[in-house]
Amino acid sequence: MTHPAAPETDHGAPSVPSVSSDQHLQCPPLEMLRFDDAGLIPAIAQDWLDGAVLMVAWMNRFSLEQTVATGEAHYWSRSRQELWHKGAVSGHRQRVRQLRYDCDQDVLLLTVEQVGDVACHTGARSCFYGYGADPSHGGPQAPKPPTDAVSELYQLIVQRRQHPEAGSYTNALFRGGDNRILKKIGEESAELVMACKDDDANAISGEAADVLYHMLVALAHHGVAWRQVLLELAKRRHQPRPS
């Protein structure tokens, strides 16, 4: 039986930098997974850096084996009844970094590098952009999916820069430019040092939050994405460091 790649309708996208992993993709024993009566199991694709849920699809034994063999996500299209190599047409491939299963062994979690940062066929980053009574039609301007707290804070800071609000402390920092922003980073860093010297856990966490916030403002001021910092940290995990 042949399994041709399924066509896709999502838009073309450039590739994104990949960070090599020192882990080999491992497949859980198929006999321990609980496939449904149709031989399928749901698979959740999650961004490997910020934890955003990108999409949910279905896998069968063959697509799971193909995913492990190639390192790229392969799903099973229920509507077309054929193998679906995610991004084979659009270029929005998913490089799978890790496979996990849940406590009941009936759901898979794929930690992926989403090429082009677009997982949805509408052109949205994630298929999960709808909320409230008025559904969105997706696309590049669709609401972003929930992520980790720092990534969401950075996005809020960027929004403040693009759409200033009266009385906003963040906008006051932007108006002050590097002189004000960098001065605050220095002040908050000194306060963090003193909190550490005092071994005060509550003060340390508070001052660390202040340092991080002002650092994010500096990144946004210079047009450096928080994700770029995450990529750099991930890259360093797999590089030998000087002694």
C-alpha atoms as a PDB file:
ATOM      1  CA  MET A   1       0.000   0.000   0.000  1.00  0.00           C
ATOM      2  CA  THR A   2       1.375   3.403  -0.941  1.00  0.00           C
ATOM      3  CA  HIS A   3       0.956   6.479   1.196  1.00  0.00           C
ATOM      4  CA  PRO A   4       1.398   9.674  -0.874  1.00  0.00           C
ATOM      5  CA  ALA A   5       1.959  12.967   0.882  1.00  0.00           C
ATOM      6  CA  ALA A   6      -1.254  14.910   1.316  1.00  0.00           C
ATOM      7  CA  PRO A   7      -1.609  18.335  -0.347  1.00  0.00           C
ATOM      8  CA  GLU A   8      -1.674  21.409   1.855  1.00  0.00           C
ATOM      9  CA  THR A   9      -3.100  24.884   1.469  1.00  0.00           C
ATOM     10  CA  ASP A  10      -0.962  26.851   3.936  1.00  0.00           C
ATOM     11  CA  HIS A  11       1.186  29.633   2.508  1.00  0.00           C
ATOM     12  CA  GLY A  12       4.852  29.378   1.593  1.00  0.00           C
ATOM     13  CA  ALA A  13       7.388  30.297   4.252  1.00  0.00           C
ATOM     14  CA  PRO A  14      11.118  30.763   4.651  1.00  0.00           C
ATOM     15  CA  SER A  15      13.107  28.380   6.762  1.00  0.00           C
ATOM     16  CA  VAL A  16      14.110  29.231  10.307  1.00  0.00           C
ATOM     17  CA  PRO A  17      17.420  28.550  12.012  1.00  0.00           C
ATOM     18  CA  SER A  18      17.585  25.102  13.525  1.00  0.00           C
ATOM     19  CA  VAL A  19      19.385  24.259  16.722  1.00  0.00           C
ATOM     20  CA  SER A  20      20.929  20.825  16.660  1.00  0.00           C
ATOM     21  CA  SER A  21      19.941  18.428  19.421  1.00  0.00           C
ATOM     22  CA  ASP A  22      22.097  15.870  21.125  1.00  0.00           C
ATOM     23  CA  GLN A  23      19.057  13.654  21.641  1.00  0.00           C
ATOM     24  CA  HIS A  24      17.904  11.017  19.186  1.00  0.00           C
ATOM     25  CA  LEU A  25      14.194  10.900  18.508  1.00  0.00           C
ATOM     26  CA  GLN A  26      12.828   7.845  20.235  1.00  0.00           C
ATOM     27  CA  CYS A  27       9.560   6.122  19.426  1.00  0.00           C
ATOM     28  CA  PRO A  28       7.548   4.656  22.291  1.00  0.00           C
ATOM     29  CA  PRO A  29       6.837   0.931  21.833  1.00  0.00           C
ATOM     30  CA  LEU A  30       3.802   0.744  19.583  1.00  0.00           C
ATOM     31  CA  GLU A  31       2.305  -2.089  21.599  1.00  0.00           C
ATOM     32  CA  MET A  32       2.034   0.114  24.679  1.00  0.00           C
ATOM     33  CA  LEU A  33       0.160   2.933  22.908  1.00  0.00           C
ATOM     34  CA  ARG A  34      -3.633   2.869  22.928  1.00  0.00           C
ATOM     35  CA  PHE A  35      -4.813   3.492  19.364  1.00  0.00           C
ATOM     36  CA  ASP A  36      -8.567   3.843  18.841  1.00  0.00           C
ATOM     37  CA  ASP A  37     -10.776   1.429  16.909  1.00  0.00           C
ATOM     38  CA  ALA A  38      -9.690   3.095  13.661  1.00  0.00           C
ATOM     39  CA  GLY A  39      -6.024   2.584  14.518  1.00  0.00           C
ATOM     40  CA  LEU A  40      -5.488   6.294  15.276  1.00  0.00           C
ATOM     41  CA  ILE A  41      -4.129   8.303  18.168  1.00  0.00           C
ATOM     42  CA  PRO A  42      -4.372  12.111  18.630  1.00  0.00           C
ATOM     43  CA  ALA A  43      -1.086  14.038  18.447  1.00  0.00           C
ATOM     44  CA  ILE A  44      -0.537  17.515  19.872  1.00  0.00           C
ATOM     45  CA  ALA A  45       2.232  19.636  18.329  1.00  0.00           C
ATOM     46  CA  GLN A  46       3.872  22.054  20.782  1.00  0.00           C
ATOM     47  CA  ASP A  47       6.528  24.685  20.104  1.00  0.00           C
ATOM     48  CA  TRP A  48       9.852  23.573  21.574  1.00  0.00           C
ATOM     49  CA  LEU A  49      10.877  27.040  22.820  1.00  0.00           C
ATOM     50  CA  ASP A  50       7.844  28.815  24.264  1.00  0.00           C
ATOM     51  CA  GLY A  51       5.460  25.890  24.762  1.00  0.00           C
ATOM     52  CA  ALA A  52       2.702  27.219  22.493  1.00  0.00           C
ATOM     53  CA  VAL A  53       0.232  24.566  21.340  1.00  0.00           C
ATOM     54  CA  LEU A  54       0.358  24.743  17.543  1.00  0.00           C
ATOM     55  CA  MET A  55      -2.084  22.110  16.317  1.00  0.00           C
ATOM     56  CA  VAL A  56      -3.719  18.751  16.927  1.00  0.00           C
ATOM     57  CA  ALA A  57      -3.800  16.017  14.320  1.00  0.00           C
ATOM     58  CA  TRP A  58      -4.004  12.230  14.143  1.00  0.00           C
ATOM     59  CA  MET A  59      -1.370   9.539  13.731  1.00  0.00           C
ATOM     60  CA  ASN A  60      -1.478   5.865  12.978  1.00  0.00           C
ATOM     61  CA  ARG A  61       1.331   3.374  13.379  1.00  0.00           C
ATOM     62  CA  PHE A  62       2.747   4.076   9.937  1.00  0.00           C
ATOM     63  CA  SER A  63       2.801   7.867  10.292  1.00  0.00           C
ATOM     64  CA  LEU A  64       4.413   7.538  13.714  1.00  0.00           C
ATOM     65  CA  GLU A  65       7.119   5.287  12.280  1.00  0.00           C
ATOM     66  CA  GLN A  66       7.698   7.759   9.432  1.00  0.00           C
ATOM     67  CA  THR A  67       7.979  10.610  11.926  1.00  0.00           C
ATOM     68  CA  VAL A  68      10.656   8.782  13.895  1.00  0.00           C
ATOM     69  CA  ALA A  69      12.495   7.663  10.761  1.00  0.00           C
ATOM     70  CA  THR A  70      12.640  11.137   9.168  1.00  0.00           C
ATOM     71  CA  GLY A  71      12.616  13.418  12.219  1.00  0.00           C
ATOM     72  CA  GLU A  72       9.743  15.392  10.682  1.00  0.00           C
ATOM     73  CA  ALA A  73       6.075  15.216  11.632  1.00  0.00           C
ATOM     74  CA  HIS A  74       3.928  12.872   9.572  1.00  0.00           C
ATOM     75  CA  TYR A  75       0.238  12.641  10.361  1.00  0.00           C
ATOM     76  CA  TRP A  76      -2.692  10.629   9.035  1.00  0.00           C
ATOM     77  CA  SER A  77      -5.389  12.558   7.190  1.00  0.00           C
ATOM     78  CA  ARG A  78      -8.762  11.123   8.142  1.00  0.00           C
ATOM     79  CA  SER A  79     -10.585  13.001   5.375  1.00  0.00           C
ATOM     80  CA  ARG A  80      -8.202  11.896   2.626  1.00  0.00           C
ATOM     81  CA  GLN A  81      -7.224   8.581   4.179  1.00  0.00           C
ATOM     82  CA  GLU A  82      -3.558   9.068   3.389  1.00  0.00           C
ATOM     83  CA  LEU A  83      -0.230   9.976   4.912  1.00  0.00           C
ATOM     84  CA  TRP A  84       0.253  13.700   5.516  1.00  0.00           C
ATOM     85  CA  HIS A  85       3.841  14.942   5.666  1.00  0.00           C
ATOM     86  CA  LYS A  86       3.320  18.277   7.370  1.00  0.00           C
ATOM     87  CA  GLY A  87       4.759  21.077   5.235  1.00  0.00           C
ATOM     88  CA  ALA A  88       5.749  18.920   2.275  1.00  0.00           C
ATOM     89  CA  VAL A  89       4.047  21.400  -0.081  1.00  0.00           C
ATOM     90  CA  SER A  90       4.039  24.680   1.873  1.00  0.00           C
ATOM     91  CA  GLY A  91       7.487  24.341   3.426  1.00  0.00           C
ATOM     92  CA  HIS A  92       6.023  24.637   6.933  1.00  0.00           C
ATOM     93  CA  ARG A  93       7.620  21.444   8.142  1.00  0.00           C
ATOM     94  CA  GLN A  94       7.752  20.384  11.760  1.00  0.00           C
ATOM     95  CA  ARG A  95      11.109  19.098  12.976  1.00  0.00           C
ATOM     96  CA  VAL A  96      10.298  16.832  15.882  1.00  0.00           C
ATOM     97  CA  ARG A  97      12.650  17.127  18.824  1.00  0.00           C
ATOM     98  CA  GLN A  98      10.840  14.886  21.280  1.00  0.00           C
ATOM     99  CA  LEU A  99       7.921  12.482  21.472  1.00  0.00           C
ATOM    100  CA  ARG A 100       5.951  11.855  24.648  1.00  0.00           C
ATOM    101  CA  TYR A 101       2.743  10.074  25.553  1.00  0.00           C
ATOM    102  CA  ASP A 102       0.265  10.845  28.317  1.00  0.00           C
ATOM    103  CA  CYS A 103      -0.534   8.878  31.479  1.00  0.00           C
ATOM    104  CA  ASP A 104      -3.170   6.790  29.654  1.00  0.00           C
ATOM    105  CA  GLN A 105      -0.921   6.171  26.635  1.00  0.00           C
ATOM    106  CA  ASP A 106      -3.698   7.375  24.318  1.00  0.00           C
ATOM    107  CA  VAL A 107      -2.403  10.854  23.339  1.00  0.00           C
ATOM    108  CA  LEU A 108       0.967  11.883  21.887  1.00  0.00           C
ATOM    109  CA  LEU A 109       2.834  15.140  22.460  1.00  0.00           C
ATOM    110  CA  LEU A 110       5.266  16.265  19.761  1.00  0.00           C
ATOM    111  CA  THR A 111       7.763  18.967  20.696  1.00  0.00           C
ATOM    112  CA  VAL A 112       8.562  20.605  17.364  1.00  0.00           C
ATOM    113  CA  GLU A 113      10.552  23.285  15.609  1.00  0.00           C
ATOM    114  CA  GLN A 114       7.917  24.855  13.358  1.00  0.00           C
ATOM    115  CA  VAL A 115       9.582  26.000  10.149  1.00  0.00           C
ATOM    116  CA  GLY A 116       8.330  29.440   9.167  1.00  0.00           C
ATOM    117  CA  ASP A 117       6.515  29.785  12.517  1.00  0.00           C
ATOM    118  CA  VAL A 118       3.219  28.883  10.777  1.00  0.00           C
ATOM    119  CA  ALA A 119       1.364  25.706  11.725  1.00  0.00           C
ATOM    120  CA  CYS A 120      -2.203  26.467  10.621  1.00  0.00           C
ATOM    121  CA  HIS A 121      -3.388  26.114   7.026  1.00  0.00           C
ATOM    122  CA  THR A 122      -4.853  29.645   7.307  1.00  0.00           C
ATOM    123  CA  GLY A 123      -1.394  31.125   7.776  1.00  0.00           C
ATOM    124  CA  ALA A 124      -1.762  31.589  11.541  1.00  0.00           C
ATOM    125  CA  ARG A 125       1.009  30.528  13.871  1.00  0.00           C
ATOM    126  CA  SER A 126      -1.332  28.159  15.730  1.00  0.00           C
ATOM    127  CA  CYS A 127      -4.669  26.587  14.938  1.00  0.00           C
ATOM    128  CA  PHE A 128      -5.828  27.706  18.392  1.00  0.00           C
ATOM    129  CA  TYR A 129      -6.593  31.363  17.716  1.00  0.00           C
ATOM    130  CA  GLY A 130     -10.314  31.395  18.409  1.00  0.00           C
ATOM    131  CA  TYR A 131     -11.848  32.557  21.678  1.00  0.00           C
ATOM    132  CA  GLY A 132     -14.967  34.416  22.726  1.00  0.00           C
ATOM    133  CA  ALA A 133     -18.215  34.638  20.792  1.00  0.00           C
ATOM    134  CA  ASP A 134     -16.737  36.021  17.556  1.00  0.00           C
ATOM    135  CA  PRO A 135     -14.610  33.437  15.728  1.00  0.00           C
ATOM    136  CA  SER A 136     -11.562  34.615  13.843  1.00  0.00           C
ATOM    137  CA  HIS A 137     -10.766  33.564  10.298  1.00  0.00           C
ATOM    138  CA  GLY A 138      -7.142  32.942  11.158  1.00  0.00           C
ATOM    139  CA  GLY A 139      -4.324  34.155   8.978  1.00  0.00           C
ATOM    140  CA  PRO A 140      -1.090  35.931   9.937  1.00  0.00           C
ATOM    141  CA  GLN A 141      -2.963  38.522  12.019  1.00  0.00           C
ATOM    142  CA  ALA A 142      -4.852  35.948  14.101  1.00  0.00           C
ATOM    143  CA  PRO A 143      -4.486  36.136  17.892  1.00  0.00           C
ATOM    144  CA  LYS A 144      -1.319  34.435  19.085  1.00  0.00           C
ATOM    145  CA  PRO A 145      -1.571  31.233  21.115  1.00  0.00           C
ATOM    146  CA  PRO A 146      -0.838  31.242  24.849  1.00  0.00           C
ATOM    147  CA  THR A 147       2.868  30.825  25.615  1.00  0.00           C
ATOM    148  CA  ASP A 148       5.147  31.103  28.640  1.00  0.00           C
ATOM    149  CA  ALA A 149       4.831  34.199  30.833  1.00  0.00           C
ATOM    150  CA  VAL A 150       8.058  35.863  29.672  1.00  0.00           C
ATOM    151  CA  SER A 151       7.225  35.485  25.980  1.00  0.00           C
ATOM    152  CA  GLU A 152       3.782  36.972  26.584  1.00  0.00           C
ATOM    153  CA  LEU A 153       5.268  39.861  28.571  1.00  0.00           C
ATOM    154  CA  TYR A 154       7.645  40.609  25.690  1.00  0.00           C
ATOM    155  CA  GLN A 155       4.729  40.662  23.241  1.00  0.00           C
ATOM    156  CA  LEU A 156       2.880  43.092  25.502  1.00  0.00           C
ATOM    157  CA  ILE A 157       5.940  45.352  25.630  1.00  0.00           C
ATOM    158  CA  VAL A 158       6.163  45.282  21.829  1.00  0.00           C
ATOM    159  CA  GLN A 159       2.471  46.208  21.619  1.00  0.00           C
ATOM    160  CA  ARG A 160       3.080  49.161  23.930  1.00  0.00           C
ATOM    161  CA  ARG A 161       5.852  50.329  21.632  1.00  0.00           C
ATOM    162  CA  GLN A 162       3.658  50.017  18.556  1.00  0.00           C
ATOM    163  CA  HIS A 163       0.532  51.426  20.213  1.00  0.00           C
ATOM    164  CA  PRO A 164       1.537  53.806  23.053  1.00  0.00           C
ATOM    165  CA  GLU A 165      -0.858  54.294  25.961  1.00  0.00           C
ATOM    166  CA  ALA A 166      -1.165  57.377  28.129  1.00  0.00           C
ATOM    167  CA  GLY A 167       0.413  56.905  31.538  1.00  0.00           C
ATOM    168  CA  SER A 168       2.269  53.750  30.529  1.00  0.00           C
ATOM    169  CA  TYR A 169       5.572  53.280  32.351  1.00  0.00           C
ATOM    170  CA  THR A 170       6.781  51.130  29.462  1.00  0.00           C
ATOM    171  CA  ASN A 171       6.141  53.952  26.998  1.00  0.00           C
ATOM    172  CA  ALA A 172       7.935  56.380  29.305  1.00  0.00           C
ATOM    173  CA  LEU A 173      10.979  54.095  29.121  1.00  0.00           C
ATOM    174  CA  PHE A 174      10.789  53.999  25.325  1.00  0.00           C
ATOM    175  CA  ARG A 175      10.607  57.792  25.190  1.00  0.00           C
ATOM    176  CA  GLY A 176      13.700  58.008  27.369  1.00  0.00           C
ATOM    177  CA  GLY A 177      15.623  55.737  25.001  1.00  0.00           C
ATOM    178  CA  ASP A 178      18.818  53.928  25.916  1.00  0.00           C
ATOM    179  CA  ASN A 179      19.792  56.461  28.572  1.00  0.00           C
ATOM    180  CA  ARG A 180      16.739  55.752  30.682  1.00  0.00           C
ATOM    181  CA  ILE A 181      16.355  52.052  29.871  1.00  0.00           C
ATOM    182  CA  LEU A 182      19.984  51.129  30.514  1.00  0.00           C
ATOM    183  CA  LYS A 183      20.108  53.206  33.679  1.00  0.00           C
ATOM    184  CA  LYS A 184      17.156  51.237  35.038  1.00  0.00           C
ATOM    185  CA  ILE A 185      18.809  47.927  34.131  1.00  0.00           C
ATOM    186  CA  GLY A 186      21.879  49.014  36.088  1.00  0.00           C
ATOM    187  CA  GLU A 187      19.815  50.112  39.100  1.00  0.00           C
ATOM    188  CA  GLU A 188      17.713  46.948  39.174  1.00  0.00           C
ATOM    189  CA  SER A 189      20.784  44.746  38.715  1.00  0.00           C
ATOM    190  CA  ALA A 190      22.439  46.382  41.728  1.00  0.00           C
ATOM    191  CA  GLU A 191      19.283  45.793  43.781  1.00  0.00           C
ATOM    192  CA  LEU A 192      19.272  42.145  42.709  1.00  0.00           C
ATOM    193  CA  VAL A 193      22.877  41.801  43.862  1.00  0.00           C
ATOM    194  CA  MET A 194      21.994  43.261  47.262  1.00  0.00           C
ATOM    195  CA  ALA A 195      18.967  40.980  47.607  1.00  0.00           C
ATOM    196  CA  CYS A 196      21.198  37.981  46.893  1.00  0.00           C
ATOM    197  CA  LYS A 197      23.713  39.211  49.451  1.00  0.00           C
ATOM    198  CA  ASP A 198      20.881  39.404  51.994  1.00  0.00           C
ATOM    199  CA  ASP A 199      19.712  35.901  51.012  1.00  0.00           C
ATOM    200  CA  ASP A 200      16.127  37.145  50.885  1.00  0.00           C
ATOM    201  CA  ALA A 201      14.175  34.821  48.584  1.00  0.00           C
ATOM    202  CA  ASN A 202      11.180  37.149  48.145  1.00  0.00           C
ATOM    203  CA  ALA A 203      13.398  40.137  47.409  1.00  0.00           C
ATOM    204  CA  ILE A 204      15.543  38.105  45.016  1.00  0.00           C
ATOM    205  CA  SER A 205      12.525  36.983  42.982  1.00  0.00           C
ATOM    206  CA  GLY A 206      11.114  40.497  42.885  1.00  0.00           C
ATOM    207  CA  GLU A 207      14.361  42.139  41.837  1.00  0.00           C
ATOM    208  CA  ALA A 208      15.009  39.413  39.264  1.00  0.00           C
ATOM    209  CA  ALA A 209      11.573  40.137  37.782  1.00  0.00           C
ATOM    210  CA  ASP A 210      12.464  43.851  37.602  1.00  0.00           C
ATOM    211  CA  VAL A 211      15.758  43.110  35.840  1.00  0.00           C
ATOM    212  CA  LEU A 212      14.040  40.789  33.381  1.00  0.00           C
ATOM    213  CA  TYR A 213      11.283  43.290  32.592  1.00  0.00           C
ATOM    214  CA  HIS A 214      13.720  46.128  31.876  1.00  0.00           C
ATOM    215  CA  MET A 215      15.894  43.787  29.825  1.00  0.00           C
ATOM    216  CA  LEU A 216      12.855  42.925  27.684  1.00  0.00           C
ATOM    217  CA  VAL A 217      12.192  46.641  27.176  1.00  0.00           C
ATOM    218  CA  ALA A 218      15.800  47.052  25.994  1.00  0.00           C
ATOM    219  CA  LEU A 219      15.390  44.131  23.580  1.00  0.00           C
ATOM    220  CA  ALA A 220      12.180  45.601  22.143  1.00  0.00           C
ATOM    221  CA  HIS A 221      13.801  49.047  21.891  1.00  0.00           C
ATOM    222  CA  HIS A 222      16.555  47.566  19.730  1.00  0.00           C
ATOM    223  CA  GLY A 223      14.262  45.272  17.749  1.00  0.00           C
ATOM    224  CA  VAL A 224      15.700  42.045  19.160  1.00  0.00           C
ATOM    225  CA  ALA A 225      13.066  39.340  19.605  1.00  0.00           C
ATOM    226  CA  TRP A 226      12.891  37.414  22.878  1.00  0.00           C
ATOM    227  CA  ARG A 227      12.740  34.258  20.792  1.00  0.00           C
ATOM    228  CA  GLN A 228      16.173  35.114  19.410  1.00  0.00           C
ATOM    229  CA  VAL A 229      17.488  35.016  22.973  1.00  0.00           C
ATOM    230  CA  LEU A 230      15.802  31.659  23.571  1.00  0.00           C
ATOM    231  CA  LEU A 231      17.402  30.275  20.412  1.00  0.00           C
ATOM    232  CA  GLU A 232      20.808  31.464  21.576  1.00  0.00           C
ATOM    233  CA  LEU A 233      20.340  29.814  24.967  1.00  0.00           C
ATOM    234  CA  ALA A 234      19.228  26.578  23.329  1.00  0.00           C
ATOM    235  CA  LYS A 235      22.224  26.625  20.995  1.00  0.00           C
ATOM    236  CA  ARG A 236      24.602  27.059  23.912  1.00  0.00           C
ATOM    237  CA  ARG A 237      23.191  23.983  25.635  1.00  0.00           C
ATOM    238  CA  HIS A 238      24.733  21.844  22.926  1.00  0.00           C
ATOM    239  CA  GLN A 239      28.101  23.578  22.659  1.00  0.00           C
ATOM    240  CA  PRO A 240      31.180  22.937  24.802  1.00  0.00           C
ATOM    241  CA  ARG A 241      31.828  25.870  27.061  1.00  0.00           C
ATOM    242  CA  PRO A 242      35.350  27.123  27.891  1.00  0.00           C
ATOM    243  CA  SER A 243      36.574  26.033  31.312  1.00  0.00           C
END
